[in-house]
Amino acid sequence: MNDNQISLVGNIVRDPVIRKVSEKATVTTFRLASTPRRFDPSISEWRNLDSLYLTVSCWNKLAERVANCLKGGDPVVVSGRLRMRTYEIEGQQRTVYEVDAQQVAPDLSRISVELVRTGRPRGFESVSDEGPDEGRDLSRELSRDMASVEPLPGSGPLLPIQAEPAA
């Protein structure tokens, strides 16, 4: 199968926008700006080269998490499929490139975050460690236990701890 993959590093231009496109599908979109930098030894300074701006689309669970955790200006790493779309305006053919994100993460080389983990359901270990037990409906027990999951202290979205200047 010929499927392309692309990874980009950049900053979110504006706050991500989330919208419901159907009963079962949610999409979050944002613009990503990626600006390469090069050191110019003749003036002993870093120089910004031309910026690349791409629209990134995130779907369903990823869409919700991106909308809840990230905002404009955040440095991120995006991995996904690059796609090209053409359309016509006033008789002129236009082409745009977009990314269907599969992963979006804060760029930890430029910002610190606190990762929040949720707890496991009570009795989860005993269900998985006991092995098969005829007569027990393990999926029903697990579903019941999942309803009583309590988050660990400090749970919530990823929170920036300290922003660092770009290198």
N, C-alpha and C. Protein backbone atom coordinates (compact mmCIF):
# COMPACT_ATOMS: atom_id res chain seq x y z
N MET A 1 0.84 -1.17 0.00
CA MET A 1 0.00 0.00 0.00
C MET A 1 0.89 1.24 0.00
N ASN A 2 0.59 2.17 -0.85
CA ASN A 2 1.34 3.43 -0.92
C ASN A 2 0.63 4.48 -0.10
N ASP A 3 1.07 4.64 1.11
CA ASP A 3 0.48 5.63 2.01
C ASP A 3 1.60 6.51 2.52
N ASN A 4 1.42 7.83 2.41
CA ASN A 4 2.48 8.74 2.84
C ASN A 4 2.34 9.07 4.32
N GLN A 5 3.44 9.37 4.95
CA GLN A 5 3.50 9.81 6.34
C GLN A 5 4.39 11.03 6.39
N ILE A 6 4.00 11.98 7.23
CA ILE A 6 4.80 13.19 7.38
C ILE A 6 4.84 13.55 8.86
N SER A 7 5.98 14.04 9.29
CA SER A 7 6.12 14.55 10.66
C SER A 7 6.57 16.00 10.57
N LEU A 8 5.90 16.85 11.33
CA LEU A 8 6.19 18.29 11.32
C LEU A 8 6.40 18.79 12.74
N VAL A 9 7.27 19.76 12.87
CA VAL A 9 7.49 20.44 14.14
C VAL A 9 7.19 21.90 13.90
N GLY A 10 6.40 22.50 14.78
CA GLY A 10 6.08 23.91 14.62
C GLY A 10 5.23 24.42 15.76
N ASN A 11 4.60 25.56 15.54
CA ASN A 11 3.74 26.18 16.55
C ASN A 11 2.33 26.26 16.02
N ILE A 12 1.37 26.10 16.93
CA ILE A 12 -0.03 26.29 16.57
C ILE A 12 -0.25 27.79 16.42
N VAL A 13 -0.82 28.21 15.29
CA VAL A 13 -0.98 29.63 14.99
C VAL A 13 -2.06 30.26 15.87
N ARG A 14 -3.26 29.68 15.88
CA ARG A 14 -4.38 30.16 16.69
C ARG A 14 -4.98 28.98 17.44
N ASP A 15 -5.83 29.27 18.42
CA ASP A 15 -6.47 28.19 19.18
C ASP A 15 -7.17 27.22 18.23
N PRO A 16 -7.02 25.90 18.48
CA PRO A 16 -7.72 24.91 17.66
C PRO A 16 -9.23 25.10 17.74
N VAL A 17 -9.92 24.79 16.64
CA VAL A 17 -11.37 24.92 16.55
C VAL A 17 -11.97 23.53 16.43
N ILE A 18 -12.88 23.20 17.34
CA ILE A 18 -13.52 21.89 17.32
C ILE A 18 -14.96 22.04 16.82
N ARG A 19 -15.40 21.07 16.02
CA ARG A 19 -16.80 21.08 15.57
C ARG A 19 -17.27 19.65 15.34
N LYS A 20 -18.56 19.48 15.48
CA LYS A 20 -19.20 18.18 15.28
C LYS A 20 -19.62 18.12 13.82
N VAL A 21 -19.18 17.10 13.08
CA VAL A 21 -19.55 16.99 11.67
C VAL A 21 -20.64 15.96 11.45
N SER A 22 -20.89 15.11 12.43
CA SER A 22 -22.00 14.17 12.40
C SER A 22 -22.24 13.71 13.83
N GLU A 23 -23.21 12.81 13.99
CA GLU A 23 -23.48 12.30 15.34
C GLU A 23 -22.27 11.60 15.94
N LYS A 24 -21.49 10.94 15.09
CA LYS A 24 -20.37 10.13 15.57
C LYS A 24 -19.00 10.73 15.31
N ALA A 25 -18.92 11.82 14.57
CA ALA A 25 -17.60 12.34 14.18
C ALA A 25 -17.40 13.77 14.65
N THR A 26 -16.22 14.00 15.22
CA THR A 26 -15.80 15.32 15.67
C THR A 26 -14.47 15.63 15.00
N VAL A 27 -14.28 16.88 14.58
CA VAL A 27 -13.03 17.28 13.96
C VAL A 27 -12.52 18.56 14.62
N THR A 28 -11.23 18.59 14.86
CA THR A 28 -10.56 19.80 15.35
C THR A 28 -9.54 20.18 14.29
N THR A 29 -9.53 21.46 13.92
CA THR A 29 -8.56 21.94 12.95
C THR A 29 -7.75 23.07 13.56
N PHE A 30 -6.51 23.17 13.11
CA PHE A 30 -5.66 24.28 13.49
C PHE A 30 -4.62 24.48 12.40
N ARG A 31 -4.05 25.67 12.38
CA ARG A 31 -2.96 25.99 11.45
C ARG A 31 -1.65 25.79 12.19
N LEU A 32 -0.71 25.15 11.50
CA LEU A 32 0.61 24.91 12.05
C LEU A 32 1.61 25.73 11.26
N ALA A 33 2.44 26.48 11.97
CA ALA A 33 3.51 27.25 11.33
C ALA A 33 4.84 26.58 11.66
N SER A 34 5.58 26.25 10.63
CA SER A 34 6.89 25.63 10.82
C SER A 34 7.93 26.51 10.15
N THR A 35 8.84 27.03 10.95
CA THR A 35 9.85 27.98 10.45
C THR A 35 11.24 27.42 10.70
N PRO A 36 11.94 27.01 9.64
CA PRO A 36 13.31 26.52 9.83
C PRO A 36 14.24 27.68 10.20
N ARG A 37 15.24 27.36 11.02
CA ARG A 37 16.22 28.37 11.43
C ARG A 37 17.61 27.86 11.08
N ARG A 38 18.46 28.77 10.66
CA ARG A 38 19.85 28.43 10.33
C ARG A 38 20.76 29.45 10.99
N PHE A 39 21.91 28.97 11.40
CA PHE A 39 22.90 29.86 12.00
C PHE A 39 23.71 30.50 10.88
N ASP A 40 23.79 31.81 10.89
CA ASP A 40 24.56 32.56 9.89
C ASP A 40 25.89 32.96 10.53
N PRO A 41 26.97 32.25 10.19
CA PRO A 41 28.26 32.54 10.84
C PRO A 41 28.81 33.92 10.49
N SER A 42 28.38 34.48 9.36
CA SER A 42 28.92 35.79 8.98
C SER A 42 28.48 36.89 9.94
N ILE A 43 27.31 36.72 10.55
CA ILE A 43 26.84 37.73 11.52
C ILE A 43 26.68 37.13 12.92
N SER A 44 27.04 35.85 13.06
CA SER A 44 26.96 35.14 14.35
C SER A 44 25.57 35.20 14.97
N GLU A 45 24.53 35.00 14.15
CA GLU A 45 23.15 35.03 14.63
C GLU A 45 22.34 33.95 13.92
N TRP A 46 21.23 33.60 14.57
CA TRP A 46 20.27 32.68 13.96
C TRP A 46 19.35 33.48 13.05
N ARG A 47 19.02 32.90 11.90
CA ARG A 47 18.11 33.55 10.95
C ARG A 47 16.92 32.63 10.68
N ASN A 48 15.74 33.23 10.63
CA ASN A 48 14.55 32.49 10.26
C ASN A 48 14.43 32.43 8.75
N LEU A 49 14.13 31.24 8.22
CA LEU A 49 13.87 31.08 6.80
C LEU A 49 12.37 31.19 6.55
N ASP A 50 11.92 30.93 5.34
CA ASP A 50 10.50 31.04 5.02
C ASP A 50 9.66 30.05 5.83
N SER A 51 8.54 30.53 6.34
CA SER A 51 7.64 29.68 7.13
C SER A 51 6.73 28.86 6.22
N LEU A 52 6.41 27.66 6.68
CA LEU A 52 5.46 26.79 6.02
C LEU A 52 4.21 26.75 6.89
N TYR A 53 3.05 27.04 6.32
CA TYR A 53 1.79 27.00 7.05
C TYR A 53 0.94 25.88 6.47
N LEU A 54 0.47 24.99 7.34
CA LEU A 54 -0.40 23.89 6.91
C LEU A 54 -1.59 23.80 7.84
N THR A 55 -2.74 23.41 7.29
CA THR A 55 -3.92 23.13 8.10
C THR A 55 -3.84 21.69 8.55
N VAL A 56 -4.07 21.46 9.84
CA VAL A 56 -4.03 20.12 10.43
C VAL A 56 -5.44 19.78 10.89
N SER A 57 -5.90 18.57 10.53
CA SER A 57 -7.21 18.07 10.97
C SER A 57 -7.01 16.88 11.88
N CYS A 58 -7.71 16.89 13.01
CA CYS A 58 -7.67 15.78 13.96
C CYS A 58 -9.11 15.27 14.11
N TRP A 59 -9.28 13.97 14.21
CA TRP A 59 -10.61 13.39 14.25
C TRP A 59 -10.90 12.68 15.57
N ASN A 60 -12.16 12.74 15.98
CA ASN A 60 -12.75 12.01 17.09
C ASN A 60 -12.01 12.20 18.41
N LYS A 61 -11.47 11.15 19.03
CA LYS A 61 -10.85 11.26 20.34
C LYS A 61 -9.64 12.20 20.31
N LEU A 62 -8.83 12.10 19.26
CA LEU A 62 -7.69 13.01 19.12
C LEU A 62 -8.18 14.45 19.00
N ALA A 63 -9.28 14.67 18.29
CA ALA A 63 -9.84 16.01 18.13
C ALA A 63 -10.22 16.59 19.49
N GLU A 64 -10.87 15.81 20.32
CA GLU A 64 -11.29 16.28 21.64
C GLU A 64 -10.08 16.61 22.52
N ARG A 65 -9.08 15.75 22.49
CA ARG A 65 -7.91 15.96 23.33
C ARG A 65 -7.10 17.18 22.89
N VAL A 66 -6.94 17.35 21.58
CA VAL A 66 -6.21 18.52 21.08
C VAL A 66 -6.95 19.80 21.48
N ALA A 67 -8.27 19.83 21.30
CA ALA A 67 -9.07 21.02 21.63
C ALA A 67 -9.00 21.33 23.13
N ASN A 68 -8.93 20.30 23.97
CA ASN A 68 -8.91 20.51 25.42
C ASN A 68 -7.54 20.85 25.97
N CYS A 69 -6.48 20.40 25.31
CA CYS A 69 -5.13 20.52 25.88
C CYS A 69 -4.25 21.59 25.26
N LEU A 70 -4.46 21.90 23.98
CA LEU A 70 -3.52 22.78 23.29
C LEU A 70 -4.17 24.10 22.92
N LYS A 71 -3.33 25.13 22.73
CA LYS A 71 -3.84 26.45 22.36
C LYS A 71 -2.85 27.11 21.40
N GLY A 72 -3.25 28.23 20.86
CA GLY A 72 -2.40 28.97 19.94
C GLY A 72 -1.06 29.32 20.58
N GLY A 73 0.02 29.16 19.81
CA GLY A 73 1.37 29.45 20.29
C GLY A 73 2.09 28.24 20.84
N ASP A 74 1.37 27.16 21.15
CA ASP A 74 2.02 25.97 21.71
C ASP A 74 2.90 25.30 20.67
N PRO A 75 4.13 24.91 21.06
CA PRO A 75 4.99 24.15 20.15
C PRO A 75 4.55 22.69 20.14
N VAL A 76 4.37 22.12 18.95
CA VAL A 76 3.86 20.75 18.83
C VAL A 76 4.65 19.96 17.78
N VAL A 77 4.50 18.65 17.87
CA VAL A 77 4.99 17.71 16.87
C VAL A 77 3.76 17.01 16.33
N VAL A 78 3.59 17.03 15.00
CA VAL A 78 2.42 16.44 14.36
C VAL A 78 2.89 15.35 13.40
N SER A 79 2.23 14.22 13.45
CA SER A 79 2.51 13.13 12.52
C SER A 79 1.20 12.71 11.89
N GLY A 80 1.21 12.50 10.58
CA GLY A 80 -0.02 12.10 9.91
C GLY A 80 0.17 11.94 8.42
N ARG A 81 -0.95 11.99 7.71
CA ARG A 81 -0.94 11.82 6.26
C ARG A 81 -1.04 13.18 5.58
N LEU A 82 -0.16 13.42 4.64
CA LEU A 82 -0.22 14.64 3.84
C LEU A 82 -1.18 14.39 2.69
N ARG A 83 -2.11 15.31 2.50
CA ARG A 83 -3.02 15.17 1.37
C ARG A 83 -3.12 16.48 0.61
N MET A 84 -3.38 16.35 -0.66
CA MET A 84 -3.51 17.50 -1.54
C MET A 84 -4.96 17.59 -1.97
N ARG A 85 -5.48 18.80 -1.97
CA ARG A 85 -6.87 19.03 -2.38
C ARG A 85 -6.87 20.18 -3.38
N THR A 86 -7.62 20.01 -4.45
CA THR A 86 -7.74 21.09 -5.44
C THR A 86 -9.18 21.56 -5.51
N TYR A 87 -9.34 22.82 -5.81
CA TYR A 87 -10.66 23.41 -5.97
C TYR A 87 -10.54 24.59 -6.93
N GLU A 88 -11.68 25.11 -7.34
CA GLU A 88 -11.67 26.20 -8.31
C GLU A 88 -12.39 27.41 -7.73
N ILE A 89 -11.78 28.59 -7.90
CA ILE A 89 -12.38 29.87 -7.49
C ILE A 89 -12.25 30.82 -8.67
N GLU A 90 -13.38 31.35 -9.09
CA GLU A 90 -13.42 32.30 -10.19
C GLU A 90 -12.62 31.83 -11.40
N GLY A 91 -12.78 30.56 -11.74
CA GLY A 91 -12.12 30.00 -12.91
C GLY A 91 -10.66 29.64 -12.72
N GLN A 92 -10.09 29.90 -11.54
CA GLN A 92 -8.68 29.57 -11.29
C GLN A 92 -8.60 28.32 -10.41
N GLN A 93 -7.77 27.40 -10.84
CA GLN A 93 -7.53 26.17 -10.10
C GLN A 93 -6.61 26.45 -8.92
N ARG A 94 -7.01 26.04 -7.72
CA ARG A 94 -6.20 26.22 -6.51
C ARG A 94 -5.86 24.86 -5.92
N THR A 95 -4.71 24.78 -5.30
CA THR A 95 -4.27 23.55 -4.65
C THR A 95 -3.85 23.88 -3.23
N VAL A 96 -4.30 23.08 -2.28
CA VAL A 96 -3.88 23.24 -0.89
C VAL A 96 -3.37 21.89 -0.37
N TYR A 97 -2.43 21.96 0.54
CA TYR A 97 -1.91 20.77 1.20
C TYR A 97 -2.36 20.81 2.65
N GLU A 98 -2.82 19.68 3.14
CA GLU A 98 -3.32 19.57 4.50
C GLU A 98 -2.78 18.29 5.13
N VAL A 99 -2.84 18.22 6.45
CA VAL A 99 -2.37 17.04 7.17
C VAL A 99 -3.54 16.46 7.95
N ASP A 100 -3.81 15.17 7.74
CA ASP A 100 -4.74 14.42 8.59
C ASP A 100 -3.90 13.82 9.71
N ALA A 101 -4.00 14.40 10.89
CA ALA A 101 -3.12 14.01 12.00
C ALA A 101 -3.50 12.64 12.56
N GLN A 102 -2.48 11.87 12.86
CA GLN A 102 -2.65 10.63 13.59
C GLN A 102 -2.13 10.78 15.02
N GLN A 103 -1.12 11.63 15.18
CA GLN A 103 -0.59 11.95 16.51
C GLN A 103 -0.29 13.44 16.58
N VAL A 104 -0.57 14.03 17.73
CA VAL A 104 -0.21 15.41 18.02
C VAL A 104 0.31 15.42 19.45
N ALA A 105 1.49 16.02 19.63
CA ALA A 105 2.09 16.05 20.97
C ALA A 105 2.80 17.37 21.19
N PRO A 106 2.87 17.81 22.45
CA PRO A 106 3.67 19.00 22.72
C PRO A 106 5.14 18.71 22.43
N ASP A 107 5.86 19.69 21.93
CA ASP A 107 7.28 19.53 21.62
C ASP A 107 8.07 19.69 22.91
N LEU A 108 8.48 18.58 23.48
CA LEU A 108 9.14 18.60 24.78
C LEU A 108 10.55 19.16 24.73
N SER A 109 11.10 19.42 23.54
CA SER A 109 12.40 20.08 23.46
C SER A 109 12.25 21.58 23.67
N ARG A 110 11.00 22.08 23.62
CA ARG A 110 10.78 23.52 23.73
C ARG A 110 9.83 23.91 24.85
N ILE A 111 9.16 22.95 25.45
CA ILE A 111 8.22 23.26 26.53
C ILE A 111 8.14 22.06 27.46
N SER A 112 7.94 22.32 28.74
CA SER A 112 7.75 21.25 29.72
C SER A 112 6.27 21.11 30.00
N VAL A 113 5.83 19.88 30.17
CA VAL A 113 4.42 19.63 30.49
C VAL A 113 4.35 18.62 31.62
N GLU A 114 3.20 18.56 32.25
CA GLU A 114 2.96 17.57 33.28
C GLU A 114 1.99 16.55 32.71
N LEU A 115 2.41 15.30 32.63
CA LEU A 115 1.58 14.25 32.09
C LEU A 115 0.67 13.74 33.20
N VAL A 116 -0.61 13.68 32.92
CA VAL A 116 -1.57 13.24 33.91
C VAL A 116 -2.07 11.86 33.53
N ARG A 117 -1.93 10.94 34.43
CA ARG A 117 -2.38 9.57 34.18
C ARG A 117 -3.63 9.29 35.02
N THR A 118 -4.54 8.55 34.47
CA THR A 118 -5.73 8.17 35.23
C THR A 118 -5.48 6.81 35.85
N GLY A 119 -6.16 6.56 36.96
CA GLY A 119 -5.98 5.30 37.68
C GLY A 119 -6.62 4.14 36.95
N ARG A 120 -6.23 2.94 37.35
CA ARG A 120 -6.84 1.73 36.80
C ARG A 120 -8.04 1.39 37.65
N PRO A 121 -9.00 0.68 37.09
CA PRO A 121 -10.18 0.32 37.88
C PRO A 121 -9.81 -0.61 39.02
N ARG A 122 -10.58 -0.52 40.10
CA ARG A 122 -10.36 -1.42 41.23
C ARG A 122 -10.60 -2.85 40.77
N GLY A 123 -9.72 -3.75 41.19
CA GLY A 123 -9.89 -5.15 40.84
C GLY A 123 -9.42 -5.50 39.45
N PHE A 124 -8.90 -4.53 38.70
CA PHE A 124 -8.46 -4.79 37.33
C PHE A 124 -7.36 -5.84 37.31
N GLU A 125 -6.37 -5.70 38.22
CA GLU A 125 -5.26 -6.64 38.25
C GLU A 125 -5.76 -8.05 38.54
N SER A 126 -6.72 -8.19 39.47
CA SER A 126 -7.19 -9.52 39.82
C SER A 126 -7.92 -10.18 38.65
N VAL A 127 -8.64 -9.38 37.87
CA VAL A 127 -9.35 -9.95 36.72
C VAL A 127 -8.36 -10.46 35.70
N SER A 128 -7.31 -9.66 35.39
CA SER A 128 -6.37 -10.05 34.34
C SER A 128 -5.37 -11.09 34.83
N ASP A 129 -5.10 -11.17 36.14
CA ASP A 129 -4.11 -12.11 36.65
C ASP A 129 -4.67 -13.49 36.92
N GLU A 130 -5.99 -13.62 37.08
CA GLU A 130 -6.58 -14.91 37.45
C GLU A 130 -6.64 -15.87 36.30
N GLY A 131 -6.64 -15.37 35.08
CA GLY A 131 -6.76 -16.25 33.93
C GLY A 131 -8.22 -16.56 33.66
N PRO A 132 -8.48 -17.42 32.68
CA PRO A 132 -9.87 -17.71 32.32
C PRO A 132 -10.59 -18.42 33.46
N ASP A 133 -11.80 -18.03 33.67
CA ASP A 133 -12.63 -18.65 34.71
C ASP A 133 -14.01 -18.87 34.10
N GLU A 134 -14.32 -20.12 33.86
CA GLU A 134 -15.61 -20.40 33.24
C GLU A 134 -16.71 -20.02 34.21
N GLY A 135 -17.77 -19.48 33.67
CA GLY A 135 -18.90 -19.08 34.50
C GLY A 135 -18.83 -17.62 34.91
N ARG A 136 -17.68 -16.95 34.76
CA ARG A 136 -17.57 -15.53 35.10
C ARG A 136 -17.65 -14.71 33.83
N ASP A 137 -18.39 -13.63 33.87
CA ASP A 137 -18.46 -12.70 32.74
C ASP A 137 -17.47 -11.57 33.02
N LEU A 138 -16.22 -11.77 32.57
CA LEU A 138 -15.16 -10.82 32.87
C LEU A 138 -15.41 -9.47 32.24
N SER A 139 -16.00 -9.44 31.04
CA SER A 139 -16.25 -8.15 30.39
C SER A 139 -17.26 -7.33 31.19
N ARG A 140 -18.27 -7.99 31.76
CA ARG A 140 -19.26 -7.27 32.58
C ARG A 140 -18.61 -6.75 33.85
N GLU A 141 -17.75 -7.57 34.48
CA GLU A 141 -17.06 -7.13 35.69
C GLU A 141 -16.13 -5.95 35.39
N LEU A 142 -15.42 -6.03 34.28
CA LEU A 142 -14.51 -4.95 33.90
C LEU A 142 -15.29 -3.68 33.61
N SER A 143 -16.41 -3.78 32.91
CA SER A 143 -17.24 -2.59 32.63
C SER A 143 -17.73 -1.96 33.92
N ARG A 144 -18.17 -2.81 34.87
CA ARG A 144 -18.65 -2.29 36.15
C ARG A 144 -17.51 -1.59 36.89
N ASP A 145 -16.31 -2.22 36.87
CA ASP A 145 -15.17 -1.63 37.56
C ASP A 145 -14.71 -0.34 36.89
N MET A 146 -14.81 -0.27 35.57
CA MET A 146 -14.38 0.94 34.84
C MET A 146 -15.24 2.13 35.25
N ALA A 147 -16.50 1.90 35.62
CA ALA A 147 -17.37 3.00 36.03
C ALA A 147 -16.88 3.62 37.33
N SER A 148 -16.11 2.87 38.11
CA SER A 148 -15.65 3.40 39.40
C SER A 148 -14.20 3.89 39.36
N VAL A 149 -13.68 4.11 38.17
CA VAL A 149 -12.30 4.59 38.05
C VAL A 149 -12.21 5.99 38.63
N GLU A 150 -11.25 6.17 39.51
CA GLU A 150 -11.00 7.50 40.07
C GLU A 150 -9.67 7.99 39.53
N PRO A 151 -9.63 9.23 39.04
CA PRO A 151 -8.35 9.74 38.55
C PRO A 151 -7.35 9.90 39.67
N LEU A 152 -6.08 9.78 39.34
CA LEU A 152 -5.02 10.01 40.31
C LEU A 152 -4.97 11.49 40.65
N PRO A 153 -4.40 11.85 41.79
CA PRO A 153 -4.30 13.27 42.13
C PRO A 153 -3.62 14.06 41.03
N GLY A 154 -4.13 15.26 40.80
CA GLY A 154 -3.53 16.14 39.80
C GLY A 154 -3.97 15.85 38.39
N SER A 155 -5.09 15.10 38.22
CA SER A 155 -5.46 14.80 36.85
C SER A 155 -6.08 16.01 36.17
N GLY A 156 -6.00 16.02 34.87
CA GLY A 156 -6.46 17.12 34.05
C GLY A 156 -5.66 17.11 32.76
N PRO A 157 -5.78 18.13 31.96
CA PRO A 157 -5.05 18.14 30.69
C PRO A 157 -3.56 18.39 30.89
N LEU A 158 -2.80 18.24 29.83
CA LEU A 158 -1.38 18.58 29.87
C LEU A 158 -1.25 20.06 30.14
N LEU A 159 -0.44 20.42 31.09
CA LEU A 159 -0.28 21.81 31.46
C LEU A 159 1.14 22.26 31.21
N PRO A 160 1.33 23.37 30.52
CA PRO A 160 2.70 23.86 30.35
C PRO A 160 3.29 24.25 31.68
N ILE A 161 4.51 23.85 31.93
CA ILE A 161 5.17 24.20 33.18
C ILE A 161 6.08 25.40 32.95
N GLN A 162 6.86 25.33 31.89
CA GLN A 162 7.78 26.42 31.63
C GLN A 162 8.08 26.47 30.13
N ALA A 163 7.87 27.61 29.56
CA ALA A 163 8.19 27.79 28.13
C ALA A 163 9.66 28.17 28.02
N GLU A 164 10.30 27.62 27.01
CA GLU A 164 11.71 27.93 26.78
C GLU A 164 11.82 28.61 25.43
N PRO A 165 12.73 29.54 25.27
CA PRO A 165 12.89 30.20 23.97
C PRO A 165 13.33 29.20 22.90
N ALA A 166 12.86 29.42 21.69
CA ALA A 166 13.25 28.54 20.58
C ALA A 166 14.74 28.73 20.28
N ALA A 167 15.37 27.62 19.93
CA ALA A 167 16.81 27.69 19.64
C ALA A 167 17.06 28.19 18.25
